[in-house]
Amino acid sequence: MANTPQTRKRARQNVVRRLHNRSLRSRLRTSLRGFLKTAEGSDRKAAETAYREAVSVIDSMVNKRIHHRNRAARLKSRLNERLRHVS
C-alpha cells in the first residue's frame, strides 16, 4: 500500500498507463490477426494493404516503447515471409 503522497500519485499514474498500454497491445494484436486472416486468402492486394497497416502499427508500438525493436523486426520479418507466400 502506498504511504506517501508521491507513491499514491505514482500508483494512480501506473493504473492509467497500464490501461493505455493494454489498449495499444490489443490494437497491435488486432492488426496482426487482420493480416493473418487476409494472408490465408488468395487476394494479394488486400494482403499487402493489411501488411502495410500491421507494419505501421508495429513501428508505432516501438516508438511508444511498448515493444522492443528486435521483437518488432522479428514480427515484421515473419509477416513478410507470410506475405511472400500469398498467391
PDB file of N, CA and C in Angstrom:
ATOM      1  N   MET A   1       0.843  -1.189   0.000  1.00  0.00           N
ATOM      2  CA  MET A   1       0.000   0.000   0.000  1.00  0.00           C
ATOM      3  C   MET A   1       0.879   1.240   0.000  1.00  0.00           C
ATOM      4  N   ALA A   2       0.506   2.201  -0.816  1.00  0.00           N
ATOM      5  CA  ALA A   2       1.275   3.439  -0.899  1.00  0.00           C
ATOM      6  C   ALA A   2       1.045   4.282   0.355  1.00  0.00           C
ATOM      7  N   ASN A   3       2.133   4.775   0.926  1.00  0.00           N
ATOM      8  CA  ASN A   3       2.036   5.530   2.171  1.00  0.00           C
ATOM      9  C   ASN A   3       2.223   7.027   1.982  1.00  0.00           C
ATOM     10  N   THR A   4       3.127   7.409   1.127  1.00  0.00           N
ATOM     11  CA  THR A   4       3.414   8.831   0.955  1.00  0.00           C
ATOM     12  C   THR A   4       2.588   9.396  -0.197  1.00  0.00           C
ATOM     13  N   PRO A   5       2.399  10.694  -0.237  1.00  0.00           N
ATOM     14  CA  PRO A   5       1.652  11.294  -1.350  1.00  0.00           C
ATOM     15  C   PRO A   5       2.276  10.972  -2.711  1.00  0.00           C
ATOM     16  N   GLN A   6       3.597  10.936  -2.760  1.00  0.00           N
ATOM     17  CA  GLN A   6       4.273  10.649  -4.022  1.00  0.00           C
ATOM     18  C   GLN A   6       3.956   9.233  -4.509  1.00  0.00           C
ATOM     19  N   THR A   7       3.990   8.261  -3.603  1.00  0.00           N
ATOM     20  CA  THR A   7       3.726   6.888  -4.021  1.00  0.00           C
ATOM     21  C   THR A   7       2.248   6.681  -4.357  1.00  0.00           C
ATOM     22  N   ARG A   8       1.359   7.426  -3.716  1.00  0.00           N
ATOM     23  CA  ARG A   8      -0.068   7.342  -4.078  1.00  0.00           C
ATOM     24  C   ARG A   8      -0.277   7.849  -5.495  1.00  0.00           C
ATOM     25  N   LYS A   9       0.378   8.961  -5.812  1.00  0.00           N
ATOM     26  CA  LYS A   9       0.249   9.524  -7.158  1.00  0.00           C
ATOM     27  C   LYS A   9       0.835   8.564  -8.190  1.00  0.00           C
ATOM     28  N   ARG A  10       1.993   7.976  -7.894  1.00  0.00           N
ATOM     29  CA  ARG A  10       2.610   7.028  -8.830  1.00  0.00           C
ATOM     30  C   ARG A  10       1.680   5.829  -9.054  1.00  0.00           C
ATOM     31  N   ALA A  11       1.012   5.378  -8.005  1.00  0.00           N
ATOM     32  CA  ALA A  11       0.086   4.254  -8.139  1.00  0.00           C
ATOM     33  C   ALA A  11      -1.070   4.628  -9.059  1.00  0.00           C
ATOM     34  N   ARG A  12      -1.590   5.843  -8.914  1.00  0.00           N
ATOM     35  CA  ARG A  12      -2.668   6.305  -9.802  1.00  0.00           C
ATOM     36  C   ARG A  12      -2.182   6.387 -11.245  1.00  0.00           C
ATOM     37  N   GLN A  13      -0.984   6.920 -11.446  1.00  0.00           N
ATOM     38  CA  GLN A  13      -0.432   7.043 -12.790  1.00  0.00           C
ATOM     39  C   GLN A  13      -0.217   5.672 -13.423  1.00  0.00           C
ATOM     40  N   ASN A  14       0.248   4.733 -12.608  1.00  0.00           N
ATOM     41  CA  ASN A  14       0.502   3.387 -13.123  1.00  0.00           C
ATOM     42  C   ASN A  14      -0.775   2.725 -13.613  1.00  0.00           C
ATOM     43  N   VAL A  15      -1.878   2.950 -12.921  1.00  0.00           N
ATOM     44  CA  VAL A  15      -3.156   2.376 -13.345  1.00  0.00           C
ATOM     45  C   VAL A  15      -3.535   2.917 -14.725  1.00  0.00           C
ATOM     46  N   VAL A  16      -3.440   4.218 -14.891  1.00  0.00           N
ATOM     47  CA  VAL A  16      -3.804   4.842 -16.163  1.00  0.00           C
ATOM     48  C   VAL A  16      -2.896   4.346 -17.284  1.00  0.00           C
ATOM     49  N   ARG A  17      -1.600   4.306 -17.013  1.00  0.00           N
ATOM     50  CA  ARG A  17      -0.645   3.868 -18.038  1.00  0.00           C
ATOM     51  C   ARG A  17      -0.838   2.403 -18.398  1.00  0.00           C
ATOM     52  N   ARG A  18      -1.135   1.590 -17.393  1.00  0.00           N
ATOM     53  CA  ARG A  18      -1.345   0.166 -17.648  1.00  0.00           C
ATOM     54  C   ARG A  18      -2.537  -0.036 -18.580  1.00  0.00           C
ATOM     55  N   LEU A  19      -3.626   0.691 -18.331  1.00  0.00           N
ATOM     56  CA  LEU A  19      -4.812   0.587 -19.189  1.00  0.00           C
ATOM     57  C   LEU A  19      -4.509   1.074 -20.614  1.00  0.00           C
ATOM     58  N   HIS A  20      -3.772   2.160 -20.717  1.00  0.00           N
ATOM     59  CA  HIS A  20      -3.414   2.696 -22.033  1.00  0.00           C
ATOM     60  C   HIS A  20      -2.539   1.711 -22.800  1.00  0.00           C
ATOM     61  N   ASN A  21      -1.537   1.149 -22.123  1.00  0.00           N
ATOM     62  CA  ASN A  21      -0.651   0.189 -22.776  1.00  0.00           C
ATOM     63  C   ASN A  21      -1.401  -1.070 -23.178  1.00  0.00           C
ATOM     64  N   ARG A  22      -2.380  -1.474 -22.363  1.00  0.00           N
ATOM     65  CA  ARG A  22      -3.164  -2.651 -22.699  1.00  0.00           C
ATOM     66  C   ARG A  22      -3.945  -2.422 -23.995  1.00  0.00           C
ATOM     67  N   SER A  23      -4.508  -1.223 -24.146  1.00  0.00           N
ATOM     68  CA  SER A  23      -5.259  -0.937 -25.362  1.00  0.00           C
ATOM     69  C   SER A  23      -4.331  -0.896 -26.577  1.00  0.00           C
ATOM     70  N   LEU A  24      -3.118  -0.403 -26.396  1.00  0.00           N
ATOM     71  CA  LEU A  24      -2.165  -0.370 -27.508  1.00  0.00           C
ATOM     72  C   LEU A  24      -1.757  -1.780 -27.919  1.00  0.00           C
ATOM     73  N   ARG A  25      -1.494  -2.641 -26.939  1.00  0.00           N
ATOM     74  CA  ARG A  25      -1.132  -4.024 -27.264  1.00  0.00           C
ATOM     75  C   ARG A  25      -2.286  -4.736 -27.954  1.00  0.00           C
ATOM     76  N   SER A  26      -3.506  -4.431 -27.531  1.00  0.00           N
ATOM     77  CA  SER A  26      -4.678  -5.025 -28.159  1.00  0.00           C
ATOM     78  C   SER A  26      -4.784  -4.581 -29.617  1.00  0.00           C
ATOM     79  N   ARG A  27      -4.507  -3.300 -29.860  1.00  0.00           N
ATOM     80  CA  ARG A  27      -4.539  -2.775 -31.228  1.00  0.00           C
ATOM     81  C   ARG A  27      -3.515  -3.496 -32.106  1.00  0.00           C
ATOM     82  N   LEU A  28      -2.346  -3.775 -31.554  1.00  0.00           N
ATOM     83  CA  LEU A  28      -1.306  -4.494 -32.289  1.00  0.00           C
ATOM     84  C   LEU A  28      -1.772  -5.906 -32.626  1.00  0.00           C
ATOM     85  N   ARG A  29      -2.302  -6.611 -31.635  1.00  0.00           N
ATOM     86  CA  ARG A  29      -2.746  -7.987 -31.884  1.00  0.00           C
ATOM     87  C   ARG A  29      -3.881  -8.026 -32.900  1.00  0.00           C
ATOM     88  N   THR A  30      -4.769  -7.038 -32.852  1.00  0.00           N
ATOM     89  CA  THR A  30      -5.871  -6.980 -33.806  1.00  0.00           C
ATOM     90  C   THR A  30      -5.345  -6.803 -35.221  1.00  0.00           C
ATOM     91  N   SER A  31      -4.361  -5.928 -35.402  1.00  0.00           N
ATOM     92  CA  SER A  31      -3.818  -5.712 -36.743  1.00  0.00           C
ATOM     93  C   SER A  31      -3.086  -6.955 -37.241  1.00  0.00           C
ATOM     94  N   LEU A  32      -2.405  -7.670 -36.339  1.00  0.00           N
ATOM     95  CA  LEU A  32      -1.726  -8.907 -36.733  1.00  0.00           C
ATOM     96  C   LEU A  32      -2.734  -9.966 -37.155  1.00  0.00           C
ATOM     97  N   ARG A  33      -3.812 -10.096 -36.369  1.00  0.00           N
ATOM     98  CA  ARG A  33      -4.845 -11.074 -36.738  1.00  0.00           C
ATOM     99  C   ARG A  33      -5.480 -10.719 -38.077  1.00  0.00           C
ATOM    100  N   GLY A  34      -5.696  -9.425 -38.284  1.00  0.00           N
ATOM    101  CA  GLY A  34      -6.280  -8.993 -39.551  1.00  0.00           C
ATOM    102  C   GLY A  34      -5.408  -9.360 -40.730  1.00  0.00           C
ATOM    103  N   PHE A  35      -4.094  -9.164 -40.582  1.00  0.00           N
ATOM    104  CA  PHE A  35      -3.191  -9.541 -41.670  1.00  0.00           C
ATOM    105  C   PHE A  35      -3.190 -11.043 -41.889  1.00  0.00           C
ATOM    106  N   LEU A  36      -3.089 -11.810 -40.800  1.00  0.00           N
ATOM    107  CA  LEU A  36      -3.020 -13.268 -40.942  1.00  0.00           C
ATOM    108  C   LEU A  36      -4.277 -13.826 -41.591  1.00  0.00           C
ATOM    109  N   LYS A  37      -5.427 -13.254 -41.240  1.00  0.00           N
ATOM    110  CA  LYS A  37      -6.682 -13.705 -41.852  1.00  0.00           C
ATOM    111  C   LYS A  37      -6.692 -13.368 -43.337  1.00  0.00           C
ATOM    112  N   THR A  38      -6.216 -12.185 -43.692  1.00  0.00           N
ATOM    113  CA  THR A  38      -6.167 -11.772 -45.094  1.00  0.00           C
ATOM    114  C   THR A  38      -5.154 -12.614 -45.863  1.00  0.00           C
ATOM    115  N   ALA A  39      -4.034 -12.956 -45.221  1.00  0.00           N
ATOM    116  CA  ALA A  39      -2.981 -13.727 -45.888  1.00  0.00           C
ATOM    117  C   ALA A  39      -3.424 -15.158 -46.180  1.00  0.00           C
ATOM    118  N   GLU A  40      -4.412 -15.665 -45.442  1.00  0.00           N
ATOM    119  CA  GLU A  40      -4.910 -17.011 -45.708  1.00  0.00           C
ATOM    120  C   GLU A  40      -5.645 -17.075 -47.040  1.00  0.00           C
ATOM    121  N   GLY A  41      -6.233 -15.968 -47.443  1.00  0.00           N
ATOM    122  CA  GLY A  41      -6.967 -15.923 -48.704  1.00  0.00           C
ATOM    123  C   GLY A  41      -6.020 -15.831 -49.884  1.00  0.00           C
ATOM    124  N   SER A  42      -6.589 -15.581 -51.037  1.00  0.00           N
ATOM    125  CA  SER A  42      -5.767 -15.518 -52.246  1.00  0.00           C
ATOM    126  C   SER A  42      -5.705 -14.106 -52.820  1.00  0.00           C
ATOM    127  N   ASP A  43      -6.179 -13.125 -52.087  1.00  0.00           N
ATOM    128  CA  ASP A  43      -6.184 -11.747 -52.563  1.00  0.00           C
ATOM    129  C   ASP A  43      -4.892 -11.054 -52.136  1.00  0.00           C
ATOM    130  N   ARG A  44      -3.955 -10.951 -53.063  1.00  0.00           N
ATOM    131  CA  ARG A  44      -2.636 -10.392 -52.749  1.00  0.00           C
ATOM    132  C   ARG A  44      -2.718  -8.900 -52.410  1.00  0.00           C
ATOM    133  N   LYS A  45      -3.557  -8.157 -53.136  1.00  0.00           N
ATOM    134  CA  LYS A  45      -3.691  -6.710 -52.887  1.00  0.00           C
ATOM    135  C   LYS A  45      -4.155  -6.449 -51.452  1.00  0.00           C
ATOM    136  N   ALA A  46      -5.173  -7.171 -51.026  1.00  0.00           N
ATOM    137  CA  ALA A  46      -5.693  -6.999 -49.669  1.00  0.00           C
ATOM    138  C   ALA A  46      -4.636  -7.385 -48.644  1.00  0.00           C
ATOM    139  N   ALA A  47      -3.870  -8.431 -48.928  1.00  0.00           N
ATOM    140  CA  ALA A  47      -2.821  -8.869 -48.010  1.00  0.00           C
ATOM    141  C   ALA A  47      -1.730  -7.805 -47.899  1.00  0.00           C
ATOM    142  N   GLU A  48      -1.375  -7.187 -49.023  1.00  0.00           N
ATOM    143  CA  GLU A  48      -0.352  -6.143 -48.986  1.00  0.00           C
ATOM    144  C   GLU A  48      -0.832  -4.935 -48.188  1.00  0.00           C
ATOM    145  N   THR A  49      -2.091  -4.579 -48.358  1.00  0.00           N
ATOM    146  CA  THR A  49      -2.655  -3.459 -47.597  1.00  0.00           C
ATOM    147  C   THR A  49      -2.649  -3.770 -46.101  1.00  0.00           C
ATOM    148  N   ALA A  50      -3.079  -4.974 -45.737  1.00  0.00           N
ATOM    149  CA  ALA A  50      -3.095  -5.372 -44.329  1.00  0.00           C
ATOM    150  C   ALA A  50      -1.675  -5.440 -43.774  1.00  0.00           C
ATOM    151  N   TYR A  51      -0.722  -5.855 -44.605  1.00  0.00           N
ATOM    152  CA  TYR A  51       0.675  -5.918 -44.183  1.00  0.00           C
ATOM    153  C   TYR A  51       1.207  -4.521 -43.854  1.00  0.00           C
ATOM    154  N   ARG A  52       0.932  -3.572 -44.739  1.00  0.00           N
ATOM    155  CA  ARG A  52       1.399  -2.203 -44.513  1.00  0.00           C
ATOM    156  C   ARG A  52       0.793  -1.626 -43.228  1.00  0.00           C
ATOM    157  N   GLU A  53      -0.477  -1.903 -43.011  1.00  0.00           N
ATOM    158  CA  GLU A  53      -1.131  -1.420 -41.794  1.00  0.00           C
ATOM    159  C   GLU A  53      -0.500  -2.053 -40.555  1.00  0.00           C
ATOM    160  N   ALA A  54      -0.255  -3.363 -40.610  1.00  0.00           N
ATOM    161  CA  ALA A  54       0.326  -4.066 -39.464  1.00  0.00           C
ATOM    162  C   ALA A  54       1.736  -3.553 -39.169  1.00  0.00           C
ATOM    163  N   VAL A  55       2.529  -3.335 -40.202  1.00  0.00           N
ATOM    164  CA  VAL A  55       3.892  -2.839 -40.006  1.00  0.00           C
ATOM    165  C   VAL A  55       3.859  -1.438 -39.407  1.00  0.00           C
ATOM    166  N   SER A  56       2.906  -0.640 -39.846  1.00  0.00           N
ATOM    167  CA  SER A  56       2.769   0.708 -39.296  1.00  0.00           C
ATOM    168  C   SER A  56       2.449   0.658 -37.801  1.00  0.00           C
ATOM    169  N   VAL A  57       1.550  -0.225 -37.426  1.00  0.00           N
ATOM    170  CA  VAL A  57       1.183  -0.359 -36.005  1.00  0.00           C
ATOM    171  C   VAL A  57       2.370  -0.895 -35.203  1.00  0.00           C
ATOM    172  N   ILE A  58       3.100  -1.840 -35.764  1.00  0.00           N
ATOM    173  CA  ILE A  58       4.272  -2.397 -35.077  1.00  0.00           C
ATOM    174  C   ILE A  58       5.300  -1.295 -34.822  1.00  0.00           C
ATOM    175  N   ASP A  59       5.586  -0.501 -35.850  1.00  0.00           N
ATOM    176  CA  ASP A  59       6.549   0.586 -35.686  1.00  0.00           C
ATOM    177  C   ASP A  59       6.067   1.604 -34.655  1.00  0.00           C
ATOM    178  N   SER A  60       4.778   1.841 -34.642  1.00  0.00           N
ATOM    179  CA  SER A  60       4.207   2.768 -33.667  1.00  0.00           C
ATOM    180  C   SER A  60       4.420   2.252 -32.248  1.00  0.00           C
ATOM    181  N   MET A  61       4.281   0.952 -32.047  1.00  0.00           N
ATOM    182  CA  MET A  61       4.472   0.370 -30.721  1.00  0.00           C
ATOM    183  C   MET A  61       5.935   0.468 -30.284  1.00  0.00           C
ATOM    184  N   VAL A  62       6.852   0.387 -31.239  1.00  0.00           N
ATOM    185  CA  VAL A  62       8.270   0.533 -30.901  1.00  0.00           C
ATOM    186  C   VAL A  62       8.551   1.973 -30.482  1.00  0.00           C
ATOM    187  N   ASN A  63       7.998   2.922 -31.219  1.00  0.00           N
ATOM    188  CA  ASN A  63       8.216   4.326 -30.887  1.00  0.00           C
ATOM    189  C   ASN A  63       7.650   4.680 -29.520  1.00  0.00           C
ATOM    190  N   LYS A  64       6.559   4.003 -29.135  1.00  0.00           N
ATOM    191  CA  LYS A  64       5.949   4.255 -27.827  1.00  0.00           C
ATOM    192  C   LYS A  64       6.547   3.375 -26.736  1.00  0.00           C
ATOM    193  N   ARG A  65       7.555   2.589 -27.114  1.00  0.00           N
ATOM    194  CA  ARG A  65       8.270   1.697 -26.200  1.00  0.00           C
ATOM    195  C   ARG A  65       7.358   0.666 -25.549  1.00  0.00           C
ATOM    196  N   ILE A  66       6.373   0.224 -26.313  1.00  0.00           N
ATOM    197  CA  ILE A  66       5.517  -0.866 -25.846  1.00  0.00           C
ATOM    198  C   ILE A  66       6.209  -2.201 -26.141  1.00  0.00           C
ATOM    199  N   HIS A  67       6.903  -2.250 -27.284  1.00  0.00           N
ATOM    200  CA  HIS A  67       7.650  -3.446 -27.663  1.00  0.00           C
ATOM    201  C   HIS A  67       9.076  -3.070 -28.046  1.00  0.00           C
ATOM    202  N   HIS A  68       9.965  -4.031 -27.905  1.00  0.00           N
ATOM    203  CA  HIS A  68      11.372  -3.821 -28.228  1.00  0.00           C
ATOM    204  C   HIS A  68      11.557  -3.849 -29.745  1.00  0.00           C
ATOM    205  N   ARG A  69      12.541  -3.110 -30.223  1.00  0.00           N
ATOM    206  CA  ARG A  69      12.740  -3.007 -31.668  1.00  0.00           C
ATOM    207  C   ARG A  69      13.137  -4.345 -32.300  1.00  0.00           C
ATOM    208  N   ASN A  70      13.824  -5.207 -31.548  1.00  0.00           N
ATOM    209  CA  ASN A  70      14.187  -6.517 -32.094  1.00  0.00           C
ATOM    210  C   ASN A  70      12.955  -7.399 -32.251  1.00  0.00           C
ATOM    211  N   ARG A  71      12.033  -7.304 -31.319  1.00  0.00           N
ATOM    212  CA  ARG A  71      10.785  -8.064 -31.448  1.00  0.00           C
ATOM    213  C   ARG A  71      10.001  -7.569 -32.647  1.00  0.00           C
ATOM    214  N   ALA A  72      10.003  -6.252 -32.836  1.00  0.00           N
ATOM    215  CA  ALA A  72       9.295  -5.673 -33.971  1.00  0.00           C
ATOM    216  C   ALA A  72       9.911  -6.157 -35.281  1.00  0.00           C
ATOM    217  N   ALA A  73      11.229  -6.190 -35.344  1.00  0.00           N
ATOM    218  CA  ALA A  73      11.906  -6.653 -36.556  1.00  0.00           C
ATOM    219  C   ALA A  73      11.563  -8.117 -36.826  1.00  0.00           C
ATOM    220  N   ARG A  74      11.517  -8.907 -35.768  1.00  0.00           N
ATOM    221  CA  ARG A  74      11.191 -10.331 -35.918  1.00  0.00           C
ATOM    222  C   ARG A  74       9.759 -10.503 -36.414  1.00  0.00           C
ATOM    223  N   LEU A  75       8.825  -9.732 -35.837  1.00  0.00           N
ATOM    224  CA  LEU A  75       7.431  -9.804 -36.272  1.00  0.00           C
ATOM    225  C   LEU A  75       7.290  -9.410 -37.744  1.00  0.00           C
ATOM    226  N   LYS A  76       7.925  -8.298 -38.111  1.00  0.00           N
ATOM    227  CA  LYS A  76       7.817  -7.819 -39.493  1.00  0.00           C
ATOM    228  C   LYS A  76       8.418  -8.826 -40.462  1.00  0.00           C
ATOM    229  N   SER A  77       9.510  -9.458 -40.059  1.00  0.00           N
ATOM    230  CA  SER A  77      10.140 -10.471 -40.905  1.00  0.00           C
ATOM    231  C   SER A  77       9.201 -11.659 -41.121  1.00  0.00           C
ATOM    232  N   ARG A  78       8.547 -12.081 -40.058  1.00  0.00           N
ATOM    233  CA  ARG A  78       7.626 -13.216 -40.168  1.00  0.00           C
ATOM    234  C   ARG A  78       6.401 -12.861 -40.997  1.00  0.00           C
ATOM    235  N   LEU A  79       5.906 -11.639 -40.840  1.00  0.00           N
ATOM    236  CA  LEU A  79       4.757 -11.212 -41.644  1.00  0.00           C
ATOM    237  C   LEU A  79       5.138 -11.126 -43.116  1.00  0.00           C
ATOM    238  N   ASN A  80       6.332 -10.614 -43.383  1.00  0.00           N
ATOM    239  CA  ASN A  80       6.804 -10.513 -44.762  1.00  0.00           C
ATOM    240  C   ASN A  80       6.928 -11.891 -45.395  1.00  0.00           C
ATOM    241  N   GLU A  81       7.400 -12.852 -44.619  1.00  0.00           N
ATOM    242  CA  GLU A  81       7.501 -14.232 -45.121  1.00  0.00           C
ATOM    243  C   GLU A  81       6.113 -14.762 -45.490  1.00  0.00           C
ATOM    244  N   ARG A  82       5.128 -14.495 -44.651  1.00  0.00           N
ATOM    245  CA  ARG A  82       3.751 -14.918 -44.962  1.00  0.00           C
ATOM    246  C   ARG A  82       3.246 -14.225 -46.219  1.00  0.00           C
ATOM    247  N   LEU A  83       3.557 -12.942 -46.337  1.00  0.00           N
ATOM    248  CA  LEU A  83       3.084 -12.170 -47.485  1.00  0.00           C
ATOM    249  C   LEU A  83       3.660 -12.718 -48.791  1.00  0.00           C
ATOM    250  N   ARG A  84       4.909 -13.139 -48.755  1.00  0.00           N
ATOM    251  CA  ARG A  84       5.548 -13.661 -49.976  1.00  0.00           C
ATOM    252  C   ARG A  84       4.900 -14.955 -50.450  1.00  0.00           C
ATOM    253  N   HIS A  85       4.273 -15.679 -49.545  1.00  0.00           N
ATOM    254  CA  HIS A  85       3.660 -16.962 -49.923  1.00  0.00           C
ATOM    255  C   HIS A  85       2.184 -16.833 -50.294  1.00  0.00           C
ATOM    256  N   VAL A  86       1.652 -15.600 -50.264  1.00  0.00           N
ATOM    257  CA  VAL A  86       0.264 -15.389 -50.694  1.00  0.00           C
ATOM    258  C   VAL A  86       0.256 -15.426 -52.217  1.00  0.00           C
ATOM    259  N   SER A  87      -0.637 -16.236 -52.754  1.00  0.00           N
ATOM    260  CA  SER A  87      -0.641 -16.383 -54.216  1.00  0.00           C
ATOM    261  C   SER A  87      -1.452 -15.320 -54.914  1.00  0.00           C
TER     262      SER A  87
END
